[in-house]
Protein backbone atom coordinates (compact mmCIF):
# COMPACT_ATOMS: atom_id res chain seq x y z
CA MET A 1 -97.19 20.44 -8.44
CA SER A 2 -95.36 23.42 -6.59
CA SER A 3 -94.61 23.13 -2.66
CA ASN A 4 -95.19 25.97 0.08
CA LYS A 5 -92.00 28.10 0.28
CA THR A 6 -92.64 28.99 3.52
CA VAL A 7 -91.61 25.96 5.54
CA PRO A 8 -90.56 25.24 9.22
CA THR A 9 -86.69 25.88 9.76
CA LYS A 10 -84.33 25.14 12.63
CA MET A 11 -83.86 28.77 13.49
CA ASP A 12 -84.50 29.76 16.92
CA PRO A 13 -87.49 31.93 17.41
CA SER A 14 -86.27 33.79 20.55
CA ALA A 15 -82.84 34.34 18.93
CA PHE A 16 -84.51 35.77 15.88
CA LEU A 17 -87.00 38.09 18.01
CA GLU A 18 -83.75 39.18 20.03
CA GLY A 19 -82.41 40.80 16.94
CA ILE A 20 -85.37 43.09 16.31
CA VAL A 21 -84.78 46.97 16.55
CA PRO A 22 -85.72 49.15 17.95
CA ASP A 23 -86.16 48.07 21.53
CA ARG A 24 -89.50 48.79 21.79
CA ARG A 25 -90.53 46.75 18.72
CA LYS A 26 -88.29 44.04 20.18
CA ALA A 27 -90.51 44.13 23.39
CA ASP A 28 -93.71 43.87 21.44
CA ALA A 29 -92.55 40.90 19.60
CA LEU A 30 -91.38 39.25 22.62
CA GLU A 31 -94.98 39.92 24.39
CA LEU A 32 -96.20 38.24 21.34
CA LEU A 33 -94.23 35.25 21.71
CA ALA A 34 -95.49 34.83 25.23
CA LEU A 35 -99.14 35.39 24.44
CA PHE A 36 -99.30 33.14 21.48
CA GLN A 37 -97.49 30.52 23.42
CA ASP A 38 -99.80 30.96 26.48
CA GLU A 39 -103.07 30.87 24.07
CA THR A 40 -102.07 27.94 22.12
CA GLY A 41 -100.02 25.94 24.32
CA PHE A 42 -97.49 25.27 21.48
CA ASP A 43 -93.85 25.82 21.17
CA PRO A 44 -92.78 28.52 18.48
CA VAL A 45 -91.19 27.35 15.35
CA MET A 46 -89.63 29.60 12.56
CA TRP A 47 -91.41 29.16 9.41
CA GLY A 48 -89.09 30.76 6.61
CA PRO A 49 -86.85 33.36 7.81
CA SER A 50 -89.27 35.87 9.57
CA ILE A 51 -92.63 33.90 10.65
CA VAL A 52 -92.87 32.61 14.18
CA GLY A 53 -95.43 29.78 14.18
CA PHE A 54 -97.41 28.04 16.61
CA GLY A 55 -99.01 24.54 15.70
CA ARG A 56 -99.45 23.24 12.17
CA TYR A 57 -101.95 21.59 9.94
CA HIS A 58 -102.10 19.71 6.91
CA TYR A 59 -104.30 20.70 3.92
CA ARG A 60 -105.47 18.72 0.99
CA TYR A 61 -107.72 20.80 -1.61
CA ALA A 62 -109.89 19.59 -3.83
CA SER A 63 -107.51 20.24 -6.64
CA GLY A 64 -105.10 17.88 -5.28
CA ARG A 65 -102.72 20.55 -3.92
CA GLU A 66 -101.82 19.57 -0.26
CA GLY A 67 -99.24 20.56 2.15
CA ASP A 68 -98.33 21.59 5.77
CA PHE A 69 -98.74 25.29 7.14
CA LEU A 70 -98.49 27.30 10.37
CA ALA A 71 -101.83 27.12 12.25
CA THR A 72 -101.11 30.64 13.95
CA GLY A 73 -98.26 33.04 14.32
CA PHE A 74 -96.69 36.38 13.73
CA SER A 75 -94.04 38.24 12.01
CA PRO A 76 -92.45 41.18 13.24
CA ARG A 77 -92.19 43.16 9.47
CA LYS A 78 -90.57 46.28 9.14
CA ALA A 79 -93.67 48.54 8.79
CA ASN A 80 -95.89 46.42 11.03
CA PHE A 81 -96.67 43.10 12.74
CA SER A 82 -98.40 40.53 10.77
CA ILE A 83 -100.54 38.68 12.87
CA TYR A 84 -101.79 35.09 11.44
CA ILE A 85 -104.74 34.17 13.30
CA MET A 86 -107.80 33.96 11.12
CA PRO A 87 -108.15 30.95 8.76
CA GLY A 88 -109.30 32.70 5.98
CA TYR A 89 -112.66 31.63 5.49
CA GLN A 90 -114.56 32.87 8.79
CA ASP A 91 -115.99 36.03 9.48
CA TYR A 92 -114.47 37.75 12.67
CA ALA A 93 -116.18 41.15 12.18
CA ASP A 94 -117.87 41.20 15.48
CA PHE A 95 -114.38 40.43 17.40
CA LEU A 96 -112.46 42.75 14.91
CA GLY A 97 -114.44 45.98 15.84
CA ASP A 98 -113.32 45.51 19.51
CA LEU A 99 -109.92 44.89 18.75
CA GLY A 100 -108.45 48.65 18.10
CA LYS A 101 -106.49 50.07 15.42
CA HIS A 102 -105.51 47.43 12.98
CA LYS A 103 -105.78 46.57 9.00
CA CYS A 104 -107.32 43.21 7.96
CA GLY A 105 -105.96 40.80 5.29
CA LYS A 106 -107.42 37.66 4.21
CA SER A 107 -106.26 35.45 6.73
CA CYS A 108 -104.20 38.04 9.02
CA LEU A 109 -104.02 41.39 10.92
CA TYR A 110 -101.67 44.30 10.67
CA VAL A 111 -100.93 45.91 13.82
CA ASN A 112 -98.34 48.92 14.00
CA LYS A 113 -97.67 48.22 17.81
CA LEU A 114 -99.50 46.35 20.60
CA SER A 115 -100.33 49.32 22.49
CA ASP A 116 -102.88 50.20 19.51
CA ILE A 117 -104.85 47.01 20.23
CA ASP A 118 -106.71 45.16 23.09
CA LEU A 119 -104.81 42.09 23.90
CA THR A 120 -107.78 40.36 25.51
CA VAL A 121 -109.57 40.78 22.21
CA LEU A 122 -106.53 39.43 20.38
CA ARG A 123 -106.15 36.26 22.82
CA HIS A 124 -109.72 35.77 22.01
CA LEU A 125 -109.07 35.81 18.15
CA ILE A 126 -106.20 33.41 18.41
CA ARG A 127 -108.29 30.77 20.52
CA THR A 128 -111.18 31.23 18.09
CA GLY A 129 -109.27 31.03 14.94
CA LEU A 130 -107.42 27.83 16.18
CA SER A 131 -110.58 26.17 16.90
CA ASP A 132 -112.15 27.22 13.67
CA LEU A 133 -109.00 25.84 11.66
CA ASN A 134 -108.82 22.57 13.55
CA LYS A 135 -112.64 21.61 12.82
CA ILE A 136 -111.53 21.62 9.01
CA TRP A 137 -107.88 20.51 9.29
CA PRO A 138 -106.43 19.06 12.68
CA VAL A 139 -104.00 21.11 14.26
CA THR A 140 -100.97 19.59 15.70
CA PRO A 141 -98.01 20.76 17.84
CA HIS A 142 -95.30 20.59 15.30
């Protein structure tokens, strides 16, 4: 069976985020770092070269495939921020309508800049997504 390509690394998340340009994008990334730490209570861990993750969970599917993955987090991609906050099997339409300008993937949001969204709604989505994930696969700090 194949294993996850995205795994925790020893890279320092703060150092990674300090390297982001332009400065406005770096400021948004550092704000997300503080927001996720505040809402999760977890220390950040780099997953692969570009995802800042908070918490982790171990999954085991009926097929036998199993592994570990970040519980929540974000990645400052070139075009936008990918925000991994939804377990992928819940309907958060009620919250998303109040979030502001974003695009939605199966388990993540795409946001151009933080000023486009309501950070109170984002905080609520982070907490709700973690709680829903924890009901299926227990979430641990690391």
